[in-house]
Protein backbone atom coordinates (compact mmCIF):
# COMPACT_ATOMS: atom_id res chain seq x y z
CA MET A 1 -16.43 93.05 78.76
CA GLN A 2 -15.69 90.34 80.89
CA LEU A 3 -12.73 88.67 80.23
CA ASP A 4 -12.38 84.75 80.30
CA GLN A 5 -8.89 83.96 81.52
CA SER A 6 -8.29 81.43 79.48
CA ASN A 7 -8.51 83.22 76.39
CA ILE A 8 -6.42 85.40 77.98
CA GLU A 9 -3.59 83.14 78.63
CA ALA A 10 -4.05 82.00 75.06
CA MET A 11 -3.88 85.73 73.42
CA ARG A 12 -0.64 85.75 76.14
CA GLU A 13 0.80 82.85 74.70
CA ARG A 14 0.04 83.63 71.25
CA LEU A 15 1.88 87.32 71.68
CA ARG A 16 4.96 85.43 72.99
CA ALA A 17 4.86 83.26 70.26
CA ASN A 18 4.94 86.12 68.02
CA ILE A 19 7.64 87.88 70.09
CA THR A 20 10.04 85.25 69.93
CA THR A 21 9.53 84.97 65.77
CA GLY A 22 9.74 88.73 65.48
CA ASP A 23 6.58 88.28 63.18
CA ARG A 24 4.71 92.20 63.57
CA LEU A 25 1.85 91.47 61.17
CA LEU A 26 0.60 88.11 63.09
CA GLY A 27 0.73 90.50 66.49
CA VAL A 28 -1.10 93.18 64.97
CA GLN A 29 -3.40 90.59 63.79
CA LEU A 30 -4.04 89.17 67.79
CA ALA A 31 -5.07 92.59 68.73
CA GLN A 32 -7.28 93.22 65.41
CA GLU A 33 -8.83 89.77 66.68
CA ALA A 34 -9.21 90.82 70.45
CA LEU A 35 -10.62 94.29 69.49
CA ALA A 36 -13.00 92.76 67.24
CA ALA A 37 -13.91 90.36 70.16
CA GLN A 38 -14.96 93.87 72.15
CA MET A 39 -12.44 93.84 74.12
CA SER A 40 -11.18 97.90 74.64
CA PRO A 41 -7.41 98.85 73.65
CA LEU A 42 -7.00 99.82 77.61
CA GLU A 43 -8.24 96.42 78.64
CA PHE A 44 -6.16 94.05 76.01
CA PHE A 45 -3.13 96.16 76.95
CA HIS A 46 -3.18 96.10 80.63
CA ALA A 47 -4.54 92.14 80.12
CA VAL A 48 -2.03 90.67 77.38
CA ILE A 49 0.46 93.24 76.55
CA ASP A 50 1.53 94.28 79.82
CA PRO A 51 2.09 91.03 81.76
CA VAL A 52 3.84 89.33 78.45
CA LEU A 53 6.56 92.53 78.51
CA GLU A 54 6.76 92.35 82.33
CA GLU A 55 8.04 88.56 82.05
CA ILE A 56 10.20 89.70 79.38
CA GLY A 57 11.75 92.34 81.37
CA ASP A 58 12.39 90.09 84.87
CA GLN A 59 14.11 87.92 81.76
CA PHE A 60 16.43 90.83 80.86
CA ALA A 61 17.24 91.43 84.39
CA ARG A 62 18.37 88.05 85.34
CA LEU A 63 20.32 87.46 81.96
CA GLU A 64 18.07 84.82 80.13
CA ILE A 65 17.83 86.96 77.17
CA PHE A 66 20.06 89.35 76.08
CA LEU A 67 19.43 92.64 74.41
CA PRO A 68 18.05 91.50 70.40
CA GLU A 69 14.85 89.51 72.30
CA LEU A 70 14.33 92.59 73.76
CA MET A 71 14.32 94.98 70.54
CA ARG A 72 12.55 92.00 69.12
CA ALA A 73 9.61 92.33 71.73
CA GLY A 74 9.57 96.23 71.10
CA MET A 75 9.12 96.44 67.16
CA VAL A 76 6.11 93.31 67.60
CA VAL A 77 4.50 95.24 70.87
CA LYS A 78 5.11 99.09 68.89
CA ALA A 79 3.37 97.68 65.96
CA MET A 80 0.56 96.59 67.70
CA GLN A 81 -0.19 99.91 69.36
CA LYS A 82 0.54 101.96 66.34
CA GLU A 83 -1.68 100.04 63.97
CA VAL A 84 -4.72 98.59 66.27
CA LEU A 85 -4.33 100.22 70.19
CA GLU A 86 -3.55 104.15 69.13
CA PRO A 87 -6.10 104.46 66.30
CA ALA A 88 -8.80 102.24 68.31
CA ILE A 89 -8.00 104.96 71.03
CA MET A 90 -8.15 107.76 69.27
CA ALA A 91 -11.30 107.05 67.85
CA GLY A 92 -13.49 106.75 70.94
CA SER A 93 -12.00 110.03 71.88
CA GLY A 94 -13.34 113.44 71.51
CA LYS A 95 -11.66 116.79 71.41
CA SER A 96 -11.25 119.41 74.74
CA ASN A 97 -9.62 122.33 75.93
CA VAL A 98 -6.05 121.71 77.03
CA THR A 99 -5.71 120.40 80.72
CA GLY A 100 -2.21 121.13 80.80
CA ARG A 101 1.16 120.81 80.03
CA VAL A 102 3.34 117.75 80.86
CA ILE A 103 6.89 116.67 79.72
CA ILE A 104 7.13 112.62 79.55
CA GLY A 105 9.74 110.01 78.98
CA ALA A 106 11.64 106.99 80.38
CA CYS A 107 14.02 107.82 82.47
CA GLN A 108 18.06 108.00 81.63
CA GLY A 109 19.51 104.38 81.33
CA ASP A 110 15.78 102.96 80.40
CA ILE A 111 15.02 102.57 76.91
CA HIS A 112 11.49 100.87 77.16
CA ASP A 113 9.03 102.90 75.81
CA ILE A 114 5.76 100.74 75.37
CA GLY A 115 3.94 102.13 79.01
CA LYS A 116 4.92 105.41 78.16
CA ASN A 117 3.73 105.63 74.97
CA MET A 118 0.12 104.89 76.18
CA VAL A 119 0.50 107.16 78.91
CA ALA A 120 1.20 109.89 76.66
CA LEU A 121 -1.72 108.92 74.51
CA MET A 122 -3.89 109.01 77.03
CA LEU A 123 -2.72 112.26 79.08
CA GLN A 124 -3.24 113.61 74.72
CA ILE A 125 -6.77 112.64 74.06
CA ASN A 126 -8.02 113.47 77.66
CA GLY A 127 -6.93 117.65 76.78
CA PHE A 128 -3.29 117.26 77.68
CA GLU A 129 -0.50 119.14 75.61
CA VAL A 130 2.31 116.81 76.05
CA THR A 131 5.59 116.69 75.05
CA ASP A 132 7.39 113.13 74.49
CA LEU A 133 11.23 113.11 75.15
CA GLY A 134 11.39 109.81 74.44
CA THR A 135 13.44 107.13 76.36
CA ASN A 136 17.13 107.42 78.03
CA VAL A 137 16.15 110.63 79.10
CA ALA A 138 18.50 112.60 81.45
CA PRO A 139 17.16 114.77 84.63
CA ARG A 140 17.82 118.06 83.66
CA THR A 141 16.23 117.32 80.09
CA PHE A 142 13.44 116.68 81.96
CA ILE A 143 13.76 120.16 83.66
CA GLU A 144 15.26 122.27 80.45
CA THR A 145 12.77 120.89 78.63
CA ALA A 146 9.91 121.80 81.05
CA ARG A 147 10.75 125.49 81.79
CA GLN A 148 11.29 126.22 77.98
CA LYS A 149 7.49 124.49 77.22
CA GLN A 150 6.50 126.29 80.62
CA ALA A 151 5.05 122.73 81.78
CA ASP A 152 2.55 121.88 84.92
CA ILE A 153 4.10 118.33 84.99
CA ILE A 154 7.24 116.07 84.63
CA ALA A 155 6.24 112.43 84.12
CA MET A 156 8.71 110.14 84.52
CA SER A 157 9.04 106.10 83.72
CA SER A 158 10.95 103.13 84.86
CA LEU A 159 10.84 99.87 84.08
CA LEU A 160 14.33 98.96 85.25
CA THR A 161 15.19 99.11 88.62
CA THR A 162 19.04 100.74 87.30
CA SER A 163 16.78 104.11 86.16
CA MET A 164 15.00 104.59 89.45
CA PRO A 165 17.48 106.37 90.58
CA TYR A 166 17.36 109.01 88.18
CA ILE A 167 13.77 110.23 89.22
CA ARG A 168 15.27 110.75 93.01
CA ASP A 169 18.18 112.83 90.94
CA LEU A 170 15.36 114.89 89.22
CA VAL A 171 14.03 115.80 92.43
CA GLN A 172 17.30 116.93 94.10
CA LEU A 173 18.17 119.19 91.39
CA LEU A 174 14.50 120.73 91.13
CA GLU A 175 15.22 121.87 95.06
CA GLY A 176 18.77 122.31 93.99
CA PHE A 177 17.77 124.88 91.36
CA GLY A 178 14.30 126.34 93.18
CA LEU A 179 11.97 124.95 91.09
CA ARG A 180 10.49 122.37 93.29
CA ASP A 181 7.22 124.57 93.61
CA GLN A 182 6.98 124.96 90.25
CA PHE A 183 6.78 121.51 88.68
CA LEU A 184 4.54 118.66 89.86
CA VAL A 185 6.36 115.47 89.62
CA VAL A 186 5.01 111.88 88.54
CA ALA A 187 6.07 108.38 87.68
CA GLY A 188 5.08 105.14 86.86
CA GLY A 189 6.30 101.84 85.42
CA ALA A 190 7.67 98.13 86.88
CA ALA A 191 10.23 99.40 88.76
CA VAL A 192 8.47 102.58 91.09
CA THR A 193 6.08 101.55 93.71
CA PRO A 194 3.81 103.89 95.74
CA ASP A 195 5.95 103.38 98.77
CA TRP A 196 9.03 104.35 96.90
CA ALA A 197 7.44 106.81 95.32
CA GLN A 198 6.51 108.55 98.09
CA SER A 199 9.51 108.15 99.99
CA ILE A 200 11.46 110.11 97.66
CA GLY A 201 8.98 113.10 97.60
CA ILE A 202 7.40 112.82 94.30
CA ASP A 203 3.61 113.97 93.33
CA GLY A 204 2.10 111.12 92.32
CA PHE A 205 2.10 107.56 91.29
CA GLY A 206 0.38 105.65 88.33
CA GLU A 207 0.49 101.99 87.98
CA ASP A 208 -1.75 102.34 84.84
CA ALA A 209 -2.67 105.21 81.64
CA VAL A 210 -6.09 105.49 83.31
CA GLU A 211 -4.48 106.08 86.70
CA ALA A 212 -1.67 108.23 85.04
CA VAL A 213 -4.47 110.63 83.69
CA ASN A 214 -6.58 110.81 86.84
CA ILE A 215 -3.13 111.69 89.31
CA CYS A 216 -2.56 114.03 86.88
CA ARG A 217 -5.72 115.87 86.56
CA ASN A 218 -6.22 115.57 90.15
CA LEU A 219 -2.69 117.51 90.83
CA LEU A 220 -3.79 120.30 88.77
CA LEU A 221 -7.17 120.81 90.31
CA PRO A 222 -5.77 122.62 93.31
CA ARG A 223 -3.91 125.10 90.44
CA LYS A 224 -6.75 125.89 88.48
CA GLU A 225 -9.10 126.86 91.38
CA GLY A 226 -6.51 129.03 92.38
CA LEU A 227 -6.70 131.10 89.31
CA ALA A 228 -10.42 130.68 89.06
């Protein structure tokens, strides 16, 4: 739908208020109203939730808020995601064959998982077999799980700049173990930029869940064509 900026800002303000009070029910109601007004789940996530979470992340980085406020935001948004957004996305998806295997998680030192969860969900409904390692995942854990699951792609999420070095560490570990050609590595999150991703030699960068799916598909095409 065509999004009206004043309505979007009003929804953001309601979400900020719901997070301040920790009211999950009002958060869920806001998401339900947005979808009833013909916003898609992804439109609502990117236009309303994402900017508010980015503001909160910036405030946390500047020590204007602390861990309890951060956890309250996660609690409210997770309720919206689990009770409204994920069921709506799943209801609109069809079944498909396995496209590839992805290991996904938030980098070591990062406990933020809202965006990562959306990416994992979108990959699943687009035919990928996804193993979600959760948050604060060490580079070696990504690699060990990728080997166990015979994965195609390792996907890392980083919201905090302090967790970014672990993406570089993972690439260096893969090279040291002689596994760099075995696994594709992609990353996303507020802390990651395209230039930085390119500078450390990862295979793909995505700004949102839809782009992440497209990147993973495109990266696997040469491998699938090679097996044809």
